[in-house]
PDB file of all heavy atoms in Angstrom:
ATOM      1  N   MET A   1      13.553   9.750  10.483  1.00  0.00           N
ATOM      2  CA  MET A   1      14.846   9.127  10.008  1.00  0.00           C
ATOM      3  C   MET A   1      15.193   7.945  10.979  1.00  0.00           C
ATOM      4  O   MET A   1      15.616   6.780  10.363  1.00  0.00           O
ATOM      5  CB  MET A   1      15.996  10.142  10.006  1.00  0.00           C
ATOM      6  CG  MET A   1      15.820  11.202   8.893  1.00  0.00           C
ATOM      7  SD  MET A   1      15.918  10.594   7.137  1.00  0.00           S
ATOM      8  CE  MET A   1      17.645   9.953   7.164  1.00  0.00           C
ATOM      9  N   ALA A   2      14.968   8.131  12.192  1.00  0.00           N
ATOM     10  CA  ALA A   2      15.298   7.056  13.143  1.00  0.00           C
ATOM     11  C   ALA A   2      14.422   5.850  12.821  1.00  0.00           C
ATOM     12  O   ALA A   2      14.785   4.612  12.910  1.00  0.00           O
ATOM     13  CB  ALA A   2      15.111   7.443  14.614  1.00  0.00           C
ATOM     14  N   GLU A   3      13.130   6.127  12.565  1.00  0.00           N
ATOM     15  CA  GLU A   3      12.224   5.038  12.274  1.00  0.00           C
ATOM     16  C   GLU A   3      12.649   4.285  11.051  1.00  0.00           C
ATOM     17  O   GLU A   3      12.537   3.038  10.867  1.00  0.00           O
ATOM     18  CB  GLU A   3      10.757   5.548  12.187  1.00  0.00           C
ATOM     19  CG  GLU A   3       9.726   4.470  12.017  1.00  0.00           C
ATOM     20  CD  GLU A   3       8.353   5.002  11.965  1.00  0.00           C
ATOM     21  OE1 GLU A   3       8.211   6.246  12.292  1.00  0.00           O
ATOM     22  OE2 GLU A   3       7.405   4.229  11.678  1.00  0.00           O
ATOM     23  N   ILE A   4      12.981   5.037   9.990  1.00  0.00           N
ATOM     24  CA  ILE A   4      13.444   4.361   8.746  1.00  0.00           C
ATOM     25  C   ILE A   4      14.701   3.578   8.923  1.00  0.00           C
ATOM     26  O   ILE A   4      14.829   2.415   8.434  1.00  0.00           O
ATOM     27  CB  ILE A   4      13.769   5.530   7.654  1.00  0.00           C
ATOM     28  CG1 ILE A   4      12.417   6.148   7.239  1.00  0.00           C
ATOM     29  CG2 ILE A   4      14.384   4.924   6.499  1.00  0.00           C
ATOM     30  CD1 ILE A   4      12.638   7.407   6.375  1.00  0.00           C
ATOM     31  N   ASP A   5      15.628   4.073   9.740  1.00  0.00           N
ATOM     32  CA  ASP A   5      16.786   3.232  10.011  1.00  0.00           C
ATOM     33  C   ASP A   5      16.532   2.042  10.853  1.00  0.00           C
ATOM     34  O   ASP A   5      16.998   0.939  10.547  1.00  0.00           O
ATOM     35  CB  ASP A   5      17.799   4.173  10.882  1.00  0.00           C
ATOM     36  CG  ASP A   5      18.522   5.250  10.096  1.00  0.00           C
ATOM     37  OD1 ASP A   5      18.522   5.129   8.849  1.00  0.00           O
ATOM     38  OD2 ASP A   5      18.912   6.171  10.678  1.00  0.00           O
ATOM     39  N   ARG A   6      15.545   2.119  11.790  1.00  0.00           N
ATOM     40  CA  ARG A   6      15.097   0.906  12.424  1.00  0.00           C
ATOM     41  C   ARG A   6      14.436  -0.042  11.536  1.00  0.00           C
ATOM     42  O   ARG A   6      14.698  -1.321  11.678  1.00  0.00           O
ATOM     43  CB  ARG A   6      14.187   1.321  13.569  1.00  0.00           C
ATOM     44  CG  ARG A   6      13.808   0.251  14.512  1.00  0.00           C
ATOM     45  CD  ARG A   6      12.988   0.613  15.764  1.00  0.00           C
ATOM     46  NE  ARG A   6      11.696   1.084  15.370  1.00  0.00           N
ATOM     47  CZ  ARG A   6      11.287   2.367  15.306  1.00  0.00           C
ATOM     48  NH1 ARG A   6      12.078   3.300  15.566  1.00  0.00           N
ATOM     49  NH2 ARG A   6      10.017   2.626  14.903  1.00  0.00           N
ATOM     50  N   MET A   7      13.701   0.283  10.687  1.00  0.00           N
ATOM     51  CA  MET A   7      13.020  -0.637   9.717  1.00  0.00           C
ATOM     52  C   MET A   7      14.042  -1.323   8.862  1.00  0.00           C
ATOM     53  O   MET A   7      14.005  -2.478   8.562  1.00  0.00           O
ATOM     54  CB  MET A   7      12.057   0.167   8.798  1.00  0.00           C
ATOM     55  CG  MET A   7      10.701   0.542   9.543  1.00  0.00           C
ATOM     56  SD  MET A   7       9.426   1.245   8.410  1.00  0.00           S
ATOM     57  CE  MET A   7      10.249   2.716   7.867  1.00  0.00           C
ATOM     58  N   LYS A   8      15.139  -0.522   8.521  1.00  0.00           N
ATOM     59  CA  LYS A   8      16.139  -1.155   7.646  1.00  0.00           C
ATOM     60  C   LYS A   8      16.891  -2.168   8.476  1.00  0.00           C
ATOM     61  O   LYS A   8      17.344  -3.305   7.975  1.00  0.00           O
ATOM     62  CB  LYS A   8      17.008  -0.065   7.039  1.00  0.00           C
ATOM     63  CG  LYS A   8      16.380   0.713   5.959  1.00  0.00           C
ATOM     64  CD  LYS A   8      17.441   1.715   5.356  1.00  0.00           C
ATOM     65  CE  LYS A   8      16.845   2.584   4.240  1.00  0.00           C
ATOM     66  NZ  LYS A   8      17.719   3.587   3.724  1.00  0.00           N
ATOM     67  N   ASP A   9      17.368  -1.747   9.674  1.00  0.00           N
ATOM     68  CA  ASP A   9      18.164  -2.649  10.537  1.00  0.00           C
ATOM     69  C   ASP A   9      17.456  -3.905  11.014  1.00  0.00           C
ATOM     70  O   ASP A   9      17.983  -4.946  11.080  1.00  0.00           O
ATOM     71  CB  ASP A   9      18.648  -1.757  11.713  1.00  0.00           C
ATOM     72  CG  ASP A   9      19.672  -0.711  11.349  1.00  0.00           C
ATOM     73  OD1 ASP A   9      20.143  -0.756  10.252  1.00  0.00           O
ATOM     74  OD2 ASP A   9      19.752   0.305  12.160  1.00  0.00           O
ATOM     75  N   PHE A  10      16.199  -3.725  11.409  1.00  0.00           N
ATOM     76  CA  PHE A  10      15.483  -4.814  12.031  1.00  0.00           C
ATOM     77  C   PHE A  10      14.379  -5.347  11.155  1.00  0.00           C
ATOM     78  O   PHE A  10      13.563  -6.269  11.516  1.00  0.00           O
ATOM     79  CB  PHE A  10      14.811  -4.334  13.374  1.00  0.00           C
ATOM     80  CG  PHE A  10      15.775  -3.959  14.371  1.00  0.00           C
ATOM     81  CD1 PHE A  10      16.057  -2.617  14.588  1.00  0.00           C
ATOM     82  CD2 PHE A  10      16.466  -4.885  15.216  1.00  0.00           C
ATOM     83  CE1 PHE A  10      16.969  -2.231  15.466  1.00  0.00           C
ATOM     84  CE2 PHE A  10      17.372  -4.459  16.144  1.00  0.00           C
ATOM     85  CZ  PHE A  10      17.646  -3.113  16.286  1.00  0.00           C
ATOM     86  N   LYS A  11      14.396  -4.868   9.817  1.00  0.00           N
ATOM     87  CA  LYS A  11      13.468  -5.511   8.870  1.00  0.00           C
ATOM     88  C   LYS A  11      11.968  -5.307   9.300  1.00  0.00           C
ATOM     89  O   LYS A  11      11.145  -6.256   9.263  1.00  0.00           O
ATOM     90  CB  LYS A  11      13.769  -6.924   8.524  1.00  0.00           C
ATOM     91  CG  LYS A  11      15.124  -7.158   8.099  1.00  0.00           C
ATOM     92  CD  LYS A  11      15.320  -6.642   6.692  1.00  0.00           C
ATOM     93  CE  LYS A  11      16.633  -6.981   6.044  1.00  0.00           C
ATOM     94  NZ  LYS A  11      16.913  -6.420   4.722  1.00  0.00           N
ATOM     95  N   GLU A  12      11.737  -4.134   9.977  1.00  0.00           N
ATOM     96  CA  GLU A  12      10.272  -3.904  10.392  1.00  0.00           C
ATOM     97  C   GLU A  12       9.485  -3.322   9.241  1.00  0.00           C
ATOM     98  O   GLU A  12       9.975  -2.646   8.361  1.00  0.00           O
ATOM     99  CB  GLU A  12      10.263  -2.857  11.524  1.00  0.00           C
ATOM    100  CG  GLU A  12      10.913  -3.425  12.827  1.00  0.00           C
ATOM    101  CD  GLU A  12      10.811  -2.392  13.980  1.00  0.00           C
ATOM    102  OE1 GLU A  12       9.996  -1.385  13.684  1.00  0.00           O
ATOM    103  OE2 GLU A  12      11.392  -2.641  15.009  1.00  0.00           O
ATOM    104  N   ARG A  13       8.229  -3.727   9.205  1.00  0.00           N
ATOM    105  CA  ARG A  13       7.262  -3.290   8.141  1.00  0.00           C
ATOM    106  C   ARG A  13       6.852  -1.875   8.353  1.00  0.00           C
ATOM    107  O   ARG A  13       6.576  -1.442   9.527  1.00  0.00           O
ATOM    108  CB  ARG A  13       6.168  -4.227   8.122  1.00  0.00           C
ATOM    109  CG  ARG A  13       6.293  -5.603   7.590  1.00  0.00           C
ATOM    110  CD  ARG A  13       5.035  -6.366   7.547  1.00  0.00           C
ATOM    111  NE  ARG A  13       5.223  -7.660   6.804  1.00  0.00           N
ATOM    112  CZ  ARG A  13       5.728  -8.830   7.406  1.00  0.00           C
ATOM    113  NH1 ARG A  13       6.075  -8.715   8.744  1.00  0.00           N
ATOM    114  NH2 ARG A  13       5.926  -9.958   6.867  1.00  0.00           N
ATOM    115  N   PRO A  14       6.861  -1.044   7.327  1.00  0.00           N
ATOM    116  CA  PRO A  14       6.201   0.203   7.513  1.00  0.00           C
ATOM    117  C   PRO A  14       4.651   0.050   7.795  1.00  0.00           C
ATOM    118  O   PRO A  14       4.136  -0.976   7.500  1.00  0.00           O
ATOM    119  CB  PRO A  14       6.421   0.934   6.151  1.00  0.00           C
ATOM    120  CG  PRO A  14       7.463   0.074   5.406  1.00  0.00           C
ATOM    121  CD  PRO A  14       7.409  -1.276   6.004  1.00  0.00           C
ATOM    122  N   VAL A  15       4.023   1.062   8.311  1.00  0.00           N
ATOM    123  CA  VAL A  15       2.599   0.980   8.562  1.00  0.00           C
ATOM    124  C   VAL A  15       1.945   1.480   7.382  1.00  0.00           C
ATOM    125  O   VAL A  15       2.041   2.712   6.925  1.00  0.00           O
ATOM    126  CB  VAL A  15       2.237   1.778   9.840  1.00  0.00           C
ATOM    127  CG1 VAL A  15       0.683   1.776   9.975  1.00  0.00           C
ATOM    128  CG2 VAL A  15       2.934   1.138  11.040  1.00  0.00           C
ATOM    129  N   TYR A  16       1.149   0.650   6.783  1.00  0.00           N
ATOM    130  CA  TYR A  16       0.390   1.096   5.527  1.00  0.00           C
ATOM    131  C   TYR A  16      -1.137   1.189   5.975  1.00  0.00           C
ATOM    132  O   TYR A  16      -1.633   0.341   6.765  1.00  0.00           O
ATOM    133  CB  TYR A  16       0.445   0.080   4.420  1.00  0.00           C
ATOM    134  CG  TYR A  16       1.781  -0.085   3.772  1.00  0.00           C
ATOM    135  CD1 TYR A  16       2.693  -1.007   4.189  1.00  0.00           C
ATOM    136  CD2 TYR A  16       2.185   0.863   2.929  1.00  0.00           C
ATOM    137  CE1 TYR A  16       3.925  -1.097   3.680  1.00  0.00           C
ATOM    138  CE2 TYR A  16       3.541   0.804   2.248  1.00  0.00           C
ATOM    139  CZ  TYR A  16       4.313  -0.253   2.743  1.00  0.00           C
ATOM    140  OH  TYR A  16       5.697  -0.326   2.115  1.00  0.00           O
ATOM    141  N   THR A  17      -1.768   2.220   5.504  1.00  0.00           N
ATOM    142  CA  THR A  17      -3.237   2.417   5.866  1.00  0.00           C
ATOM    143  C   THR A  17      -4.136   1.691   4.743  1.00  0.00           C
ATOM    144  O   THR A  17      -3.662   1.349   3.735  1.00  0.00           O
ATOM    145  CB  THR A  17      -3.644   3.899   5.892  1.00  0.00           C
ATOM    146  OG1 THR A  17      -3.491   4.417   4.532  1.00  0.00           O
ATOM    147  CG2 THR A  17      -2.712   4.679   6.814  1.00  0.00           C
ATOM    148  N   TRP A  18      -5.398   1.503   5.146  1.00  0.00           N
ATOM    149  CA  TRP A  18      -6.357   0.919   4.341  1.00  0.00           C
ATOM    150  C   TRP A  18      -6.420   1.750   2.982  1.00  0.00           C
ATOM    151  O   TRP A  18      -6.530   1.303   1.883  1.00  0.00           O
ATOM    152  CB  TRP A  18      -7.648   0.772   4.901  1.00  0.00           C
ATOM    153  CG  TRP A  18      -8.824   0.514   3.842  1.00  0.00           C
ATOM    154  CD1 TRP A  18      -9.664   1.331   3.317  1.00  0.00           C
ATOM    155  CD2 TRP A  18      -9.043  -0.693   3.235  1.00  0.00           C
ATOM    156  NE1 TRP A  18     -10.452   0.785   2.437  1.00  0.00           N
ATOM    157  CE2 TRP A  18     -10.103  -0.561   2.311  1.00  0.00           C
ATOM    158  CE3 TRP A  18      -8.483  -2.033   3.389  1.00  0.00           C
ATOM    159  CZ2 TRP A  18     -10.573  -1.622   1.551  1.00  0.00           C
ATOM    160  CZ3 TRP A  18      -8.934  -3.056   2.533  1.00  0.00           C
ATOM    161  CH2 TRP A  18     -10.008  -2.811   1.670  1.00  0.00           C
ATOM    162  N   ARG A  19      -6.391   3.097   3.156  1.00  0.00           N
ATOM    163  CA  ARG A  19      -6.525   3.995   2.006  1.00  0.00           C
ATOM    164  C   ARG A  19      -5.384   3.780   0.937  1.00  0.00           C
ATOM    165  O   ARG A  19      -5.599   3.888  -0.232  1.00  0.00           O
ATOM    166  CB  ARG A  19      -6.669   5.462   2.427  1.00  0.00           C
ATOM    167  CG  ARG A  19      -6.930   6.388   1.232  1.00  0.00           C
ATOM    168  CD  ARG A  19      -7.165   7.846   1.790  1.00  0.00           C
ATOM    169  NE  ARG A  19      -8.354   7.864   2.593  1.00  0.00           N
ATOM    170  CZ  ARG A  19      -8.471   8.311   3.872  1.00  0.00           C
ATOM    171  NH1 ARG A  19      -7.254   8.710   4.463  1.00  0.00           N
ATOM    172  NH2 ARG A  19      -9.532   8.273   4.514  1.00  0.00           N
ATOM    173  N   GLN A  20      -4.260   3.675   1.557  1.00  0.00           N
ATOM    174  CA  GLN A  20      -3.017   3.284   0.610  1.00  0.00           C
ATOM    175  C   GLN A  20      -3.151   2.100  -0.100  1.00  0.00           C
ATOM    176  O   GLN A  20      -2.921   1.993  -1.334  1.00  0.00           O
ATOM    177  CB  GLN A  20      -1.765   3.296   1.450  1.00  0.00           C
ATOM    178  CG  GLN A  20      -1.250   4.615   1.959  1.00  0.00           C
ATOM    179  CD  GLN A  20      -0.058   4.526   2.913  1.00  0.00           C
ATOM    180  OE1 GLN A  20      -0.143   3.887   3.943  1.00  0.00           O
ATOM    181  NE2 GLN A  20       0.949   5.160   2.518  1.00  0.00           N
ATOM    182  N   ALA A  21      -3.623   1.066   0.570  1.00  0.00           N
ATOM    183  CA  ALA A  21      -3.787  -0.259  -0.007  1.00  0.00           C
ATOM    184  C   ALA A  21      -5.013  -0.310  -1.010  1.00  0.00           C
ATOM    185  O   ALA A  21      -4.883  -0.750  -2.127  1.00  0.00           O
ATOM    186  CB  ALA A  21      -4.066  -1.340   1.073  1.00  0.00           C
ATOM    187  N   ALA A  22      -6.054   0.408  -0.786  1.00  0.00           N
ATOM    188  CA  ALA A  22      -7.226   0.466  -1.600  1.00  0.00           C
ATOM    189  C   ALA A  22      -6.822   1.197  -2.937  1.00  0.00           C
ATOM    190  O   ALA A  22      -7.234   0.840  -4.021  1.00  0.00           O
ATOM    191  CB  ALA A  22      -8.444   1.109  -0.899  1.00  0.00           C
ATOM    192  N   THR A  23      -6.033   2.309  -2.773  1.00  0.00           N
ATOM    193  CA  THR A  23      -5.720   3.016  -3.930  1.00  0.00           C
ATOM    194  C   THR A  23      -4.743   2.254  -4.791  1.00  0.00           C
ATOM    195  O   THR A  23      -4.882   2.322  -6.035  1.00  0.00           O
ATOM    196  CB  THR A  23      -4.932   4.320  -3.433  1.00  0.00           C
ATOM    197  OG1 THR A  23      -5.810   5.148  -2.609  1.00  0.00           O
ATOM    198  CG2 THR A  23      -4.499   5.224  -4.650  1.00  0.00           C
ATOM    199  N   LYS A  24      -3.817   1.585  -4.229  1.00  0.00           N
ATOM    200  CA  LYS A  24      -2.964   0.648  -5.012  1.00  0.00           C
ATOM    201  C   LYS A  24      -3.751  -0.406  -5.720  1.00  0.00           C
ATOM    202  O   LYS A  24      -3.491  -0.602  -6.949  1.00  0.00           O
ATOM    203  CB  LYS A  24      -1.961   0.076  -4.099  1.00  0.00           C
ATOM    204  CG  LYS A  24      -0.885  -0.887  -4.765  1.00  0.00           C
ATOM    205  CD  LYS A  24       0.184  -1.337  -3.876  1.00  0.00           C
ATOM    206  CE  LYS A  24       1.142  -2.358  -4.539  1.00  0.00           C
ATOM    207  NZ  LYS A  24       1.953  -1.712  -5.597  1.00  0.00           N
ATOM    208  N   TYR A  25      -4.664  -0.964  -5.127  1.00  0.00           N
ATOM    209  CA  TYR A  25      -5.476  -2.036  -5.685  1.00  0.00           C
ATOM    210  C   TYR A  25      -6.291  -1.451  -6.818  1.00  0.00           C
ATOM    211  O   TYR A  25      -6.420  -2.033  -8.024  1.00  0.00           O
ATOM    212  CB  TYR A  25      -6.463  -2.655  -4.638  1.00  0.00           C
ATOM    213  CG  TYR A  25      -7.100  -3.871  -5.086  1.00  0.00           C
ATOM    214  CD1 TYR A  25      -6.500  -5.166  -5.030  1.00  0.00           C
ATOM    215  CD2 TYR A  25      -8.429  -3.786  -5.578  1.00  0.00           C
ATOM    216  CE1 TYR A  25      -7.199  -6.223  -5.483  1.00  0.00           C
ATOM    217  CE2 TYR A  25      -9.103  -4.883  -6.066  1.00  0.00           C
ATOM    218  CZ  TYR A  25      -8.538  -6.151  -5.989  1.00  0.00           C
ATOM    219  OH  TYR A  25      -9.194  -7.166  -6.431  1.00  0.00           O
ATOM    220  N   LEU A  26      -6.826  -0.280  -6.669  1.00  0.00           N
ATOM    221  CA  LEU A  26      -7.624   0.341  -7.669  1.00  0.00           C
ATOM    222  C   LEU A  26      -6.873   0.672  -8.853  1.00  0.00           C
ATOM    223  O   LEU A  26      -7.340   0.434  -9.989  1.00  0.00           O
ATOM    224  CB  LEU A  26      -8.260   1.588  -7.104  1.00  0.00           C
ATOM    225  CG  LEU A  26      -9.462   2.279  -7.882  1.00  0.00           C
ATOM    226  CD1 LEU A  26     -10.670   1.396  -8.026  1.00  0.00           C
ATOM    227  CD2 LEU A  26      -9.875   3.558  -7.152  1.00  0.00           C
ATOM    228  N   LEU A  27      -5.629   1.116  -8.675  1.00  0.00           N
ATOM    229  CA  LEU A  27      -4.901   1.472  -9.782  1.00  0.00           C
ATOM    230  C   LEU A  27      -4.319   0.254 -10.567  1.00  0.00           C
ATOM    231  O   LEU A  27      -4.260   0.258 -11.789  1.00  0.00           O
ATOM    232  CB  LEU A  27      -3.571   2.210  -9.337  1.00  0.00           C
ATOM    233  CG  LEU A  27      -3.852   3.741  -8.885  1.00  0.00           C
ATOM    234  CD1 LEU A  27      -2.586   4.322  -8.248  1.00  0.00           C
ATOM    235  CD2 LEU A  27      -4.378   4.551  -9.949  1.00  0.00           C
ATOM    236  N   GLU A  28      -4.001  -0.798  -9.810  1.00  0.00           N
ATOM    237  CA  GLU A  28      -3.523  -2.096 -10.429  1.00  0.00           C
ATOM    238  C   GLU A  28      -4.626  -2.746 -11.236  1.00  0.00           C
ATOM    239  O   GLU A  28      -4.407  -3.407 -12.277  1.00  0.00           O
ATOM    240  CB  GLU A  28      -2.962  -3.058  -9.399  1.00  0.00           C
ATOM    241  CG  GLU A  28      -1.722  -2.545  -8.785  1.00  0.00           C
ATOM    242  CD  GLU A  28      -1.084  -3.579  -7.903  1.00  0.00           C
ATOM    243  OE1 GLU A  28      -1.699  -4.760  -7.689  1.00  0.00           O
ATOM    244  OE2 GLU A  28       0.056  -3.437  -7.454  1.00  0.00           O
ATOM    245  N   TYR A  29      -5.893  -2.573 -10.858  1.00  0.00           N
ATOM    246  CA  TYR A  29      -6.970  -3.235 -11.394  1.00  0.00           C
ATOM    247  C   TYR A  29      -7.870  -2.315 -12.220  1.00  0.00           C
ATOM    248  O   TYR A  29      -9.125  -2.504 -12.391  1.00  0.00           O
ATOM    249  CB  TYR A  29      -7.864  -4.058 -10.483  1.00  0.00           C
ATOM    250  CG  TYR A  29      -7.101  -5.237  -9.957  1.00  0.00           C
ATOM    251  CD1 TYR A  29      -6.179  -5.140  -8.823  1.00  0.00           C
ATOM    252  CD2 TYR A  29      -7.168  -6.512 -10.641  1.00  0.00           C
ATOM    253  CE1 TYR A  29      -5.509  -6.275  -8.379  1.00  0.00           C
ATOM    254  CE2 TYR A  29      -6.545  -7.622 -10.161  1.00  0.00           C
ATOM    255  CZ  TYR A  29      -5.633  -7.515  -9.054  1.00  0.00           C
ATOM    256  OH  TYR A  29      -5.006  -8.576  -8.674  1.00  0.00           O
ATOM    257  N   LYS A  30      -7.320  -1.109 -12.666  1.00  0.00           N
ATOM    258  CA  LYS A  30      -8.134  -0.124 -13.343  1.00  0.00           C
ATOM    259  C   LYS A  30      -8.745  -0.676 -14.752  1.00  0.00           C
ATOM    260  O   LYS A  30      -9.778  -0.083 -15.120  1.00  0.00           O
ATOM    261  CB  LYS A  30      -7.321   1.155 -13.662  1.00  0.00           C
ATOM    262  CG  LYS A  30      -6.136   0.883 -14.564  1.00  0.00           C
ATOM    263  CD  LYS A  30      -5.273   2.130 -14.643  1.00  0.00           C
ATOM    264  CE  LYS A  30      -4.077   1.910 -15.469  1.00  0.00           C
ATOM    265  NZ  LYS A  30      -3.163   3.148 -15.534  1.00  0.00           N
ATOM    266  N   LYS A  31      -8.289  -1.682 -15.241  1.00  0.00           N
ATOM    267  CA  LYS A  31      -8.857  -2.334 -16.468  1.00  0.00           C
ATOM    268  C   LYS A  31      -9.821  -3.444 -16.103  1.00  0.00           C
ATOM    269  O   LYS A  31     -10.271  -4.044 -17.040  1.00  0.00           O
ATOM    270  CB  LYS A  31      -7.762  -2.793 -17.380  1.00  0.00           C
ATOM    271  CG  LYS A  31      -6.913  -1.733 -17.958  1.00  0.00           C
ATOM    272  CD  LYS A  31      -5.871  -2.309 -18.961  1.00  0.00           C
ATOM    273  CE  LYS A  31      -4.980  -1.141 -19.500  1.00  0.00           C
ATOM    274  NZ  LYS A  31      -4.043  -1.642 -20.444  1.00  0.00           N
ATOM    275  N   LYS A  32     -10.108  -3.560 -14.875  1.00  0.00           N
ATOM    276  CA  LYS A  32     -11.073  -4.633 -14.433  1.00  0.00           C
ATOM    277  C   LYS A  32     -12.456  -4.299 -15.037  1.00  0.00           C
ATOM    278  O   LYS A  32     -12.837  -3.126 -14.943  1.00  0.00           O
ATOM    279  CB  LYS A  32     -11.092  -4.715 -12.923  1.00  0.00           C
ATOM    280  CG  LYS A  32     -11.812  -5.930 -12.355  1.00  0.00           C
ATOM    281  CD  LYS A  32     -11.710  -5.790 -10.762  1.00  0.00           C
ATOM    282  CE  LYS A  32     -12.403  -6.949 -10.055  1.00  0.00           C
ATOM    283  NZ  LYS A  32     -11.718  -8.227 -10.285  1.00  0.00           N
ATOM    284  N   PRO A  33     -13.183  -5.236 -15.568  1.00  0.00           N
ATOM    285  CA  PRO A  33     -14.550  -4.951 -16.136  1.00  0.00           C
ATOM    286  C   PRO A  33     -15.443  -4.282 -15.223  1.00  0.00           C
ATOM    287  O   PRO A  33     -16.230  -3.392 -15.440  1.00  0.00           O
ATOM    288  CB  PRO A  33     -15.034  -6.248 -16.557  1.00  0.00           C
ATOM    289  CG  PRO A  33     -13.892  -7.098 -16.849  1.00  0.00           C
ATOM    290  CD  PRO A  33     -12.720  -6.654 -15.818  1.00  0.00           C
ATOM    291  N   SER A  34     -15.383  -4.678 -13.822  1.00  0.00           N
ATOM    292  CA  SER A  34     -16.234  -4.142 -12.806  1.00  0.00           C
ATOM    293  C   SER A  34     -15.606  -2.917 -12.057  1.00  0.00           C
ATOM    294  O   SER A  34     -15.856  -2.813 -10.920  1.00  0.00           O
ATOM    295  CB  SER A  34     -16.644  -5.178 -11.817  1.00  0.00           C
ATOM    296  OG  SER A  34     -15.509  -5.751 -11.276  1.00  0.00           O
ATOM    297  N   ILE A  35     -14.659  -2.218 -12.757  1.00  0.00           N
ATOM    298  CA  ILE A  35     -14.046  -1.191 -12.041  1.00  0.00           C
ATOM    299  C   ILE A  35     -15.012  -0.107 -11.434  1.00  0.00           C
ATOM    300  O   ILE A  35     -14.647   0.482 -10.407  1.00  0.00           O
ATOM    301  CB  ILE A  35     -12.989  -0.429 -13.035  1.00  0.00           C
ATOM    302  CG1 ILE A  35     -12.185   0.619 -12.319  1.00  0.00           C
ATOM    303  CG2 ILE A  35     -13.849   0.236 -14.169  1.00  0.00           C
ATOM    304  CD1 ILE A  35     -11.170   0.065 -11.352  1.00  0.00           C
ATOM    305  N   GLY A  36     -16.025   0.169 -12.049  1.00  0.00           N
ATOM    306  CA  GLY A  36     -17.029   1.181 -11.486  1.00  0.00           C
ATOM    307  C   GLY A  36     -17.497   0.638 -10.101  1.00  0.00           C
ATOM    308  O   GLY A  36     -17.607   1.481  -9.161  1.00  0.00           O
ATOM    309  N   LEU A  37     -17.989  -0.627 -10.090  1.00  0.00           N
ATOM    310  CA  LEU A  37     -18.456  -1.175  -8.874  1.00  0.00           C
ATOM    311  C   LEU A  37     -17.362  -1.240  -7.792  1.00  0.00           C
ATOM    312  O   LEU A  37     -17.628  -0.912  -6.632  1.00  0.00           O
ATOM    313  CB  LEU A  37     -18.963  -2.620  -9.134  1.00  0.00           C
ATOM    314  CG  LEU A  37     -19.447  -3.398  -7.906  1.00  0.00           C
ATOM    315  CD1 LEU A  37     -20.603  -2.699  -7.089  1.00  0.00           C
ATOM    316  CD2 LEU A  37     -19.872  -4.794  -8.296  1.00  0.00           C
ATOM    317  N   LEU A  38     -16.163  -1.587  -8.195  1.00  0.00           N
ATOM    318  CA  LEU A  38     -14.988  -1.604  -7.266  1.00  0.00           C
ATOM    319  C   LEU A  38     -14.710  -0.276  -6.661  1.00  0.00           C
ATOM    320  O   LEU A  38     -14.668  -0.092  -5.439  1.00  0.00           O
ATOM    321  CB  LEU A  38     -13.761  -2.105  -8.009  1.00  0.00           C
ATOM    322  CG  LEU A  38     -12.442  -1.934  -7.249  1.00  0.00           C
ATOM    323  CD1 LEU A  38     -12.454  -2.686  -6.044  1.00  0.00           C
ATOM    324  CD2 LEU A  38     -11.293  -2.407  -8.165  1.00  0.00           C
TER     325      LEU A  38
END
């Protein structure tokens, strides 16, 4: 909770992992022709 408050007060970025980013990208581009290769 303290970390969330600090991010709100000081506009600090949360820490995102590569897996979170890769999953988001995969879902956003699931209709990409080369989705299997991706």
